[in-house]
Protein backbone atom coordinates (compact mmCIF):
# COMPACT_ATOMS: atom_id res chain seq x y z
CA MET A 1 -9.38 -5.72 55.37
CA SER A 2 -10.00 -2.10 54.33
CA VAL A 3 -11.94 -1.25 51.20
CA PRO A 4 -10.72 1.87 49.20
CA SER A 5 -13.12 3.28 46.63
CA THR A 6 -12.21 1.10 43.96
CA LEU A 7 -12.90 -2.73 44.22
CA ASN A 8 -10.34 -5.10 42.27
CA ILE A 9 -11.95 -8.01 40.86
CA GLY A 10 -9.49 -11.05 40.06
CA LEU A 11 -10.90 -14.05 37.84
CA CYS A 12 -9.32 -17.41 38.45
CA GLY A 13 -10.07 -19.21 35.14
CA PHE A 14 -11.14 -17.26 31.75
CA GLY A 15 -12.92 -20.03 29.85
CA THR A 16 -16.46 -19.27 28.53
CA VAL A 17 -17.88 -18.13 31.50
CA GLY A 18 -14.84 -15.94 32.70
CA GLN A 19 -14.80 -14.10 29.41
CA GLY A 20 -18.63 -13.83 29.41
CA VAL A 21 -18.10 -12.15 32.86
CA TRP A 22 -15.49 -9.90 31.61
CA GLN A 23 -17.28 -8.72 28.86
CA HIS A 24 -20.70 -8.11 30.30
CA LEU A 25 -19.18 -6.37 33.61
CA THR A 26 -17.42 -4.19 31.21
CA SER A 27 -20.14 -3.23 28.83
CA HIS A 28 -22.37 -2.89 31.92
CA ARG A 29 -19.65 -1.27 34.29
CA ALA A 30 -20.76 2.45 34.58
CA GLU A 31 -24.42 1.31 35.84
CA LEU A 32 -23.17 -1.02 38.42
CA GLU A 33 -21.13 1.22 39.72
CA ALA A 34 -23.93 4.04 39.88
CA ARG A 35 -26.02 1.60 41.61
CA LEU A 36 -23.05 0.50 44.36
CA GLY A 37 -21.41 3.80 44.95
CA VAL A 38 -18.07 2.11 44.00
CA LYS A 39 -15.67 1.47 41.37
CA LEU A 40 -15.05 -1.86 39.84
CA ASN A 41 -11.80 -2.76 38.33
CA LEU A 42 -11.36 -5.75 36.41
CA ALA A 43 -7.67 -5.98 37.83
CA ARG A 44 -6.47 -9.70 36.69
CA ALA A 45 -7.05 -13.06 35.18
CA SER A 46 -5.49 -16.00 35.25
CA VAL A 47 -5.24 -18.31 31.66
CA ARG A 48 -4.11 -21.62 31.02
CA ASP A 49 -1.95 -20.09 27.95
CA LEU A 50 -1.08 -16.71 27.31
CA LYS A 51 -1.15 -17.18 23.82
CA LYS A 52 -4.42 -18.35 22.83
CA LYS A 53 -6.67 -16.05 21.20
CA ARG A 54 -10.13 -15.43 22.94
CA ASP A 55 -13.63 -13.73 21.90
CA VAL A 56 -12.75 -11.27 24.53
CA LYS A 57 -9.75 -8.66 24.25
CA VAL A 58 -8.18 -8.38 27.71
CA PRO A 59 -5.09 -6.50 28.25
CA ALA A 60 -1.64 -8.98 28.41
CA ARG A 61 -0.38 -7.07 31.64
CA VAL A 62 -3.75 -8.55 33.60
CA LEU A 63 -3.11 -12.19 32.47
CA THR A 64 -1.37 -14.63 34.59
CA THR A 65 -0.86 -18.52 34.51
CA ASP A 66 -0.91 -18.73 38.22
CA PRO A 67 -4.60 -18.46 39.97
CA LEU A 68 -3.21 -18.74 43.25
CA ALA A 69 -1.28 -15.63 42.98
CA ILE A 70 -4.43 -14.03 42.29
CA ALA A 71 -6.19 -15.88 45.54
CA ARG A 72 -3.49 -14.74 47.37
CA ASP A 73 -2.90 -11.06 46.23
CA PRO A 74 -4.02 -8.63 49.21
CA ALA A 75 -5.05 -6.06 46.68
CA ILE A 76 -7.86 -8.00 44.80
CA HIS A 77 -11.03 -7.66 47.16
CA ILE A 78 -13.29 -10.10 44.93
CA VAL A 79 -11.90 -13.53 43.67
CA CYS A 80 -13.88 -15.27 41.06
CA GLU A 81 -13.49 -18.80 40.80
CA LEU A 82 -14.36 -19.57 37.56
CA MET A 83 -12.11 -23.00 37.08
CA GLY A 84 -14.03 -25.83 37.54
CA GLY A 85 -12.65 -29.22 39.14
CA THR A 86 -12.49 -29.68 42.61
CA THR A 87 -8.54 -29.84 43.63
CA LEU A 88 -6.80 -26.51 42.18
CA ALA A 89 -10.34 -24.40 42.85
CA ARG A 90 -10.41 -25.85 46.33
CA GLU A 91 -6.93 -24.17 46.78
CA VAL A 92 -7.65 -21.04 45.41
CA THR A 93 -10.89 -20.53 47.23
CA LEU A 94 -9.32 -21.73 50.80
CA ALA A 95 -6.34 -19.27 49.94
CA ALA A 96 -8.69 -16.60 48.95
CA LEU A 97 -10.83 -16.95 52.09
CA TRP A 98 -7.87 -17.77 54.50
CA ARG A 99 -6.73 -13.67 53.87
CA GLY A 100 -10.73 -12.70 54.48
CA ALA A 101 -11.62 -11.81 50.85
CA VAL A 102 -14.71 -12.44 49.23
CA VAL A 103 -14.71 -15.68 46.61
CA VAL A 104 -17.54 -15.77 43.89
CA SER A 105 -17.86 -19.22 42.70
CA ALA A 106 -19.89 -21.09 39.53
CA ASN A 107 -18.52 -24.70 41.07
CA LYS A 108 -21.17 -26.90 42.17
CA ALA A 109 -19.04 -29.71 42.32
CA LEU A 110 -16.38 -27.89 44.42
CA ILE A 111 -19.22 -26.96 46.94
CA CYS A 112 -20.73 -30.49 46.72
CA GLU A 113 -17.65 -31.95 47.89
CA HIS A 114 -16.11 -29.25 50.13
CA GLY A 115 -18.70 -27.38 51.20
CA PRO A 116 -18.56 -27.60 54.78
CA GLU A 117 -14.73 -26.54 54.88
CA ILE A 118 -14.81 -23.49 52.63
CA ILE A 119 -17.86 -22.33 54.73
CA ALA A 120 -16.08 -22.74 57.89
CA ALA A 121 -12.98 -21.08 56.13
CA ALA A 122 -14.82 -17.99 55.47
CA GLN A 123 -16.36 -17.65 58.89
CA LYS A 124 -13.04 -18.38 60.63
CA HIS A 125 -11.18 -15.79 58.89
CA GLY A 126 -13.66 -13.01 57.75
CA GLY A 127 -13.93 -13.89 54.41
CA HIS A 128 -17.50 -14.41 52.41
CA PHE A 129 -18.41 -16.83 49.89
CA PHE A 130 -21.32 -16.50 47.32
CA PHE A 131 -22.21 -19.32 44.84
CA GLU A 132 -25.61 -17.96 43.02
CA ALA A 133 -23.77 -19.43 39.56
CA SER A 134 -23.30 -22.64 40.78
CA VAL A 135 -26.89 -23.78 40.42
CA ALA A 136 -29.52 -23.36 37.62
CA GLY A 137 -27.27 -20.70 35.60
CA GLY A 138 -29.48 -17.23 35.38
CA ILE A 139 -32.23 -18.19 37.67
CA PRO A 140 -31.69 -16.73 40.73
CA ILE A 141 -32.49 -19.64 43.20
CA ILE A 142 -30.19 -19.54 45.71
CA LYS A 143 -31.25 -16.09 46.34
CA ALA A 144 -34.77 -17.02 46.49
CA LEU A 145 -33.97 -19.68 49.08
CA ARG A 146 -31.75 -17.95 51.29
CA GLU A 147 -33.44 -14.62 51.06
CA GLY A 148 -37.19 -14.25 49.63
CA LEU A 149 -38.08 -17.35 50.92
CA VAL A 150 -36.26 -17.39 54.47
CA ALA A 151 -39.54 -17.65 56.53
CA ASN A 152 -40.24 -21.01 54.84
CA ARG A 153 -39.92 -24.60 55.74
CA PHE A 154 -39.36 -26.33 52.15
CA THR A 155 -41.67 -29.57 52.27
CA ARG A 156 -40.50 -30.11 48.28
CA ILE A 157 -37.95 -28.71 45.71
CA TYR A 158 -38.15 -30.40 42.47
CA GLY A 159 -36.93 -29.63 38.90
CA ILE A 160 -35.01 -29.66 35.96
CA LEU A 161 -31.23 -28.85 36.87
CA ASN A 162 -29.26 -29.85 33.68
CA GLY A 163 -30.15 -28.11 30.41
CA THR A 164 -28.07 -30.84 28.38
CA CYS A 165 -30.24 -33.57 29.70
CA ASN A 166 -33.37 -31.42 29.11
CA TYR A 167 -32.44 -30.59 25.85
CA ILE A 168 -31.51 -34.42 24.82
CA LEU A 169 -34.83 -35.73 26.35
CA THR A 170 -36.90 -32.69 24.65
CA GLN A 171 -35.02 -33.94 21.01
CA MET A 172 -35.84 -37.61 21.40
CA GLU A 173 -39.29 -36.83 22.70
CA GLU A 174 -40.46 -34.20 19.47
CA HIS A 175 -37.98 -36.14 16.82
CA ASP A 176 -39.10 -39.55 17.73
CA ALA A 177 -35.00 -39.98 17.69
CA PRO A 178 -32.89 -42.35 19.65
CA TYR A 179 -30.63 -41.19 22.31
CA ALA A 180 -27.19 -41.97 20.46
CA ALA A 181 -28.06 -39.96 17.55
CA VAL A 182 -29.41 -36.72 19.83
CA LEU A 183 -26.71 -37.07 21.85
CA ALA A 184 -24.13 -36.68 18.95
CA GLU A 185 -26.04 -34.03 17.78
CA ALA A 186 -25.97 -32.40 21.16
CA LYS A 187 -22.05 -32.56 21.05
CA ARG A 188 -21.93 -31.14 17.59
CA LEU A 189 -23.91 -28.16 18.63
CA GLY A 190 -21.97 -27.45 22.01
CA TYR A 191 -24.78 -28.55 24.18
CA ALA A 192 -22.77 -31.56 25.35
CA GLU A 193 -19.30 -31.91 26.37
CA ALA A 194 -17.29 -34.43 24.68
CA ASP A 195 -17.07 -36.45 27.93
CA GLU A 196 -20.92 -36.42 28.62
CA SER A 197 -21.18 -38.71 31.50
CA LEU A 198 -21.13 -35.80 34.22
CA ASP A 199 -24.58 -34.50 32.90
CA VAL A 200 -26.24 -37.37 31.32
CA ASP A 201 -25.41 -40.12 34.07
CA GLY A 202 -26.79 -37.19 36.60
CA TRP A 203 -24.01 -36.23 38.55
CA ASP A 204 -24.51 -32.63 37.39
CA THR A 205 -27.61 -32.35 38.82
CA ALA A 206 -26.89 -34.46 41.73
CA HIS A 207 -24.04 -31.79 42.75
CA LYS A 208 -26.53 -28.88 42.46
CA ALA A 209 -29.22 -30.94 44.37
CA SER A 210 -26.71 -31.29 47.36
CA VAL A 211 -26.30 -27.17 47.01
CA LEU A 212 -30.05 -26.69 47.26
CA ALA A 213 -30.71 -28.98 50.19
CA TRP A 214 -28.06 -27.27 52.13
CA LEU A 215 -29.60 -24.30 51.69
CA ALA A 216 -33.19 -25.31 52.24
CA HIS A 217 -32.58 -27.72 55.12
CA GLY A 218 -28.63 -27.16 56.39
CA VAL A 219 -27.60 -30.69 55.56
CA TRP A 220 -24.77 -31.74 53.51
CA VAL A 221 -25.73 -34.76 51.32
CA LYS A 222 -23.11 -36.31 49.45
CA THR A 223 -23.92 -37.91 46.04
CA ASP A 224 -23.37 -41.29 47.28
CA GLN A 225 -26.38 -40.73 49.72
CA MET A 226 -28.42 -39.88 47.08
CA ILE A 227 -30.35 -42.17 44.13
CA VAL A 228 -28.53 -40.87 41.16
CA GLU A 229 -29.98 -42.20 37.38
CA GLY A 230 -29.19 -40.94 34.07
CA ILE A 231 -31.03 -40.76 30.78
CA SER A 232 -28.96 -42.99 28.75
CA ARG A 233 -31.37 -46.06 28.79
CA ILE A 234 -34.45 -44.09 27.64
CA THR A 235 -35.86 -44.97 24.30
CA PRO A 236 -38.52 -43.40 22.13
CA ALA A 237 -40.71 -45.98 23.18
CA ASP A 238 -40.90 -44.62 26.47
CA PHE A 239 -42.10 -41.33 25.17
CA LYS A 240 -44.67 -42.99 23.08
CA THR A 241 -45.84 -44.86 26.39
CA ALA A 242 -45.51 -42.20 28.71
CA ALA A 243 -47.38 -39.95 26.41
CA THR A 244 -50.31 -42.65 26.33
CA LEU A 245 -50.44 -42.77 30.11
CA GLY A 246 -50.73 -38.90 30.12
CA PHE A 247 -47.20 -38.12 31.14
CA GLY A 248 -43.87 -36.49 29.78
CA ILE A 249 -40.24 -37.55 31.12
CA LYS A 250 -37.68 -35.12 32.17
CA LEU A 251 -34.45 -35.67 34.45
CA LEU A 252 -35.12 -34.13 38.00
CA ALA A 253 -33.56 -33.23 40.95
CA VAL A 254 -36.01 -34.16 43.75
CA ILE A 255 -35.57 -32.85 47.50
CA THR A 256 -38.26 -33.78 49.90
CA ARG A 257 -38.36 -33.45 53.70
CA ASP A 258 -41.20 -34.83 56.01
CA PHE A 259 -40.98 -32.80 59.34
CA ALA A 260 -43.06 -35.08 61.08
CA LYS A 261 -40.49 -37.91 60.81
CA ASN A 262 -37.69 -35.20 60.63
CA GLU A 263 -36.40 -37.04 57.56
CA LEU A 264 -34.64 -35.61 54.27
CA SER A 265 -34.60 -37.26 50.88
CA VAL A 266 -32.42 -35.95 48.00
CA ARG A 267 -32.77 -38.00 44.38
CA VAL A 268 -31.90 -37.56 40.93
CA HIS A 269 -33.38 -39.63 38.46
CA PRO A 270 -35.53 -39.47 35.24
CA THR A 271 -39.33 -38.84 36.22
CA LEU A 272 -42.44 -39.14 34.43
CA LEU A 273 -44.66 -35.86 34.90
CA PRO A 274 -48.09 -35.14 34.16
CA ALA A 275 -48.54 -33.36 30.81
CA GLY A 276 -49.89 -30.10 32.43
CA ASN A 277 -47.23 -30.07 35.05
CA VAL A 278 -45.64 -26.89 34.45
CA VAL A 279 -42.12 -28.40 34.86
CA ALA A 280 -42.95 -30.78 32.40
CA ASN A 281 -43.69 -28.35 29.61
CA VAL A 282 -39.94 -26.74 29.91
CA SER A 283 -38.05 -28.02 27.23
CA GLY A 284 -34.58 -27.57 25.40
CA VAL A 285 -31.80 -26.32 27.52
CA PHE A 286 -33.98 -24.51 29.98
CA ASN A 287 -34.07 -25.37 33.57
CA ALA A 288 -36.91 -25.12 36.17
CA ILE A 289 -37.28 -25.41 39.69
CA SER A 290 -40.54 -25.92 41.73
CA VAL A 291 -40.22 -24.98 45.57
CA THR A 292 -42.94 -25.65 48.14
CA GLY A 293 -42.82 -23.73 51.40
CA ASP A 294 -45.07 -24.03 54.16
CA VAL A 295 -45.86 -20.50 54.20
CA VAL A 296 -45.60 -19.22 50.58
CA GLY A 297 -46.96 -22.24 48.88
CA THR A 298 -45.43 -23.13 45.51
CA THR A 299 -43.26 -21.02 43.67
CA PHE A 300 -41.79 -21.21 40.15
CA TYR A 301 -38.37 -20.44 38.58
CA SER A 302 -37.57 -21.19 34.88
CA GLY A 303 -34.70 -19.66 32.44
CA ARG A 304 -31.27 -20.72 31.01
CA GLY A 305 -29.85 -22.92 33.29
CA ALA A 306 -26.21 -22.82 31.53
CA GLY A 307 -24.06 -21.06 28.96
CA ARG A 308 -21.78 -17.88 28.45
CA ASP A 309 -24.48 -15.35 29.46
CA ALA A 310 -26.74 -16.85 31.91
CA THR A 311 -23.86 -17.85 34.04
CA ALA A 312 -22.52 -14.42 33.72
CA SER A 313 -25.10 -12.88 34.90
CA ALA A 314 -25.35 -14.85 38.03
CA VAL A 315 -21.55 -14.41 38.49
CA ILE A 316 -22.02 -10.46 38.11
CA SER A 317 -25.25 -10.60 40.15
CA ASP A 318 -23.08 -11.92 43.20
CA ILE A 319 -20.12 -9.60 42.46
CA ALA A 320 -22.55 -6.48 42.95
CA ASP A 321 -23.78 -8.46 46.35
CA ALA A 322 -19.90 -8.65 47.10
CA ALA A 323 -19.40 -4.76 46.54
CA SER A 324 -22.54 -4.25 48.46
CA LEU A 325 -21.43 -6.32 51.45
CA LEU A 326 -18.05 -4.91 51.41
CA GLN A 327 -19.00 -1.10 50.98
CA HIS A 328 -22.06 -1.21 53.66
CA GLY A 329 -21.99 -4.78 55.28
CA LYS A 330 -25.43 -5.93 53.35
CA GLY A 331 -25.47 -9.57 53.20
CA ALA A 332 -22.96 -10.34 55.55
CA HIS A 333 -25.37 -12.27 57.32
CA LEU A 334 -26.46 -14.89 55.00
CA LEU A 335 -24.13 -17.69 55.68
CA GLY A 336 -24.20 -17.22 59.21
CA GLU A 337 -27.74 -17.59 59.32
CA ILE A 338 -27.64 -20.73 57.45
CA THR A 339 -24.83 -22.44 59.56
CA ALA A 340 -25.22 -21.07 63.15
CA ALA A 341 -28.49 -22.83 63.98
CA PRO A 342 -28.38 -26.34 62.09
CA ARG A 343 -31.58 -28.00 61.51
CA ALA A 344 -30.85 -31.55 62.01
CA CYS A 345 -32.33 -33.88 59.68
CA ARG A 346 -31.80 -37.51 58.96
CA LEU A 347 -31.51 -39.32 55.67
CA ALA A 348 -34.82 -41.03 54.89
CA PRO A 349 -34.38 -44.84 54.42
CA PRO A 350 -35.31 -46.32 51.34
CA GLN A 351 -38.90 -47.60 53.16
CA HIS A 352 -39.80 -44.13 53.52
CA VAL A 353 -39.17 -42.88 50.01
CA LEU A 354 -42.22 -43.22 48.46
CA SER A 355 -43.41 -43.01 44.72
CA ARG A 356 -45.49 -44.67 42.20
CA PHE A 357 -43.12 -46.38 39.18
CA TYR A 358 -42.71 -47.20 35.38
CA LEU A 359 -41.03 -50.42 34.94
CA ARG A 360 -40.14 -51.44 31.52
CA LEU A 361 -38.97 -55.32 30.79
CA THR A 362 -37.83 -56.54 27.73
CA VAL A 363 -39.04 -60.63 27.89
CA ARG A 364 -39.21 -63.65 26.05
CA ASP A 365 -42.43 -63.70 24.01
CA GLN A 366 -44.12 -66.64 25.32
CA PRO A 367 -47.15 -67.78 27.40
CA GLY A 368 -46.86 -67.24 31.47
CA VAL A 369 -44.15 -64.34 31.70
CA LEU A 370 -46.32 -61.49 32.56
CA ALA A 371 -47.54 -64.00 35.48
CA ARG A 372 -44.44 -64.55 36.81
CA VAL A 373 -43.59 -61.05 36.62
CA ALA A 374 -46.70 -60.18 38.76
CA SER A 375 -46.13 -63.04 41.20
CA VAL A 376 -42.46 -61.23 42.14
CA MET A 377 -43.89 -57.85 42.29
CA ALA A 378 -46.72 -59.27 44.68
CA LYS A 379 -44.07 -61.19 46.71
CA HIS A 380 -42.68 -57.85 47.69
CA LYS A 381 -46.06 -56.24 48.08
CA VAL A 382 -45.54 -53.95 44.79
CA SER A 383 -49.39 -53.26 43.63
CA ILE A 384 -49.50 -53.38 39.54
CA ALA A 385 -51.64 -50.31 38.34
CA SER A 386 -51.74 -51.03 34.72
CA VAL A 387 -49.87 -53.06 32.03
CA ILE A 388 -49.14 -52.39 28.46
CA GLN A 389 -47.68 -55.14 25.91
CA GLY A 390 -45.99 -54.64 22.67
CA PRO A 391 -43.33 -55.85 20.32
CA ALA A 392 -39.44 -55.69 21.25
CA ASP A 393 -36.65 -55.10 18.84
CA GLU A 394 -35.40 -58.39 19.06
CA PRO A 395 -37.25 -61.22 17.56
CA GLY A 396 -38.81 -63.47 20.06
CA ALA A 397 -38.94 -60.80 22.60
CA ALA A 398 -41.92 -58.43 23.92
CA SER A 399 -41.90 -55.13 25.71
CA LEU A 400 -43.64 -55.36 29.02
CA VAL A 401 -44.27 -51.74 30.66
CA LEU A 402 -46.02 -51.94 34.25
CA THR A 403 -46.74 -49.02 36.37
CA THR A 404 -47.41 -49.59 39.94
CA HIS A 405 -49.45 -48.10 42.73
CA GLU A 406 -47.67 -46.38 45.30
CA SER A 407 -44.63 -48.22 46.61
CA ASP A 408 -41.23 -47.60 48.34
CA GLU A 409 -37.43 -47.75 46.89
CA ARG A 410 -36.79 -50.92 49.23
CA ALA A 411 -39.37 -52.92 47.81
CA MET A 412 -39.03 -51.77 44.40
CA GLY A 413 -35.06 -52.56 44.53
CA ALA A 414 -35.98 -56.14 45.88
CA THR A 415 -38.30 -56.64 43.15
CA LEU A 416 -35.50 -55.45 40.47
CA LYS A 417 -33.24 -57.75 41.58
CA ARG A 418 -35.47 -60.86 41.58
CA LEU A 419 -36.89 -59.67 38.14
CA LYS A 420 -33.40 -59.68 36.99
CA ALA A 421 -32.71 -63.09 38.13
CA LEU A 422 -35.82 -64.73 35.72
CA ALA A 423 -34.87 -66.46 33.07
CA ALA A 424 -37.72 -64.66 30.94
CA VAL A 425 -36.25 -61.33 31.38
CA LEU A 426 -33.82 -60.62 28.68
CA ASP A 427 -32.47 -57.29 29.49
CA GLU A 428 -31.78 -54.92 32.50
CA PRO A 429 -35.06 -53.38 33.59
CA VAL A 430 -35.74 -50.01 33.03
CA LEU A 431 -37.41 -48.16 36.27
CA LEU A 432 -38.80 -44.72 35.90
CA ARG A 433 -40.32 -42.87 39.10
CA ILE A 434 -43.73 -41.26 38.72
CA GLY A 435 -44.05 -37.60 40.20
CA ASP A 436 -47.12 -36.97 41.55
CA PHE A 437 -46.18 -33.65 43.06
CA GLU A 438 -49.13 -31.68 42.78
CA ARG A 439 -51.13 -34.13 44.79
């Protein structure tokens, strides 16, 4: 595709992020054009409702309700897919790549679900796919992995990838507030969606973890191949108990690679982190990612993980990279390097995924219960490290919190199944992992 002195940009989707991209690209256009040596023209934008009032003023002539028309328009050099979802977004992305255009996407669910197909289409038809905004908002973690840290093999990547969950957990901890009340406040403030399940059940984080695992290890891991657990059953009492033990609680994505066994583990779950851990001290809507490589050691990235401005910043960064690629060929190698020589590895079986664990049980307040629980754990070779007993909310019940020495996911899964069957256990057990990442 020949590239003129002006690059036309089309935005497919003009919600919060799309309007942010239009606003900031317009206000910074002169500086960007001077750096890139090419004119940038915001040529078209697709919307659901042409009559809707928006924060950003856009000429009516550039608006359309048909995003596929933008994707297929040969005059559009850079297509920004900012719609969300995985159906129409997939059609738009593939339509643009099939004609050799550049696509910039913020859609982690799309990449997780259809990544191999998208990358194959880009390579086959000469298109290019940029997706910095899909993970951690304004934090340039994708550029760090694929460019700055390319010399490394990554033994561990972990961090906070969902600002909604981090806000909720921070508020619960700081204000001793129950989950339901904090969630309602997060919705009122616009930090949580009306349907919060994608965030609080861990799926948004899992989509992002899938993208990071592919970048770091060349392996596509679907969410049904991961441990994915959310935050809805965490209580203020868990924060108090964790603090007593010297920990805080965060929802983390954890990606580990055992190069000796050639095994990869990708999981998402609430995790107890030592109070001195740098990720443990990231609060509110911020994200944080720790990356350990065999050459560089451990590096750390933190910033706003979502929202209009942070995500727009990442999208515009990709637009700048796309412009440089189209003008000078810079960056054209990036996807090819990742996919040309896949670093094949297998997913670690549950018995190879090791951790210490925090287990909270609501049990009948009667003699012998602890002995029965300990017997079940011993049967599955799960060693108890500490026990904290206290009152429960319901009459005749007690709260039993146990931490374990290092065990594995298979043993803990079998232990939980047996504990649930005990008549003395009154509620679904709450299991959290303990993140000993600095050991």
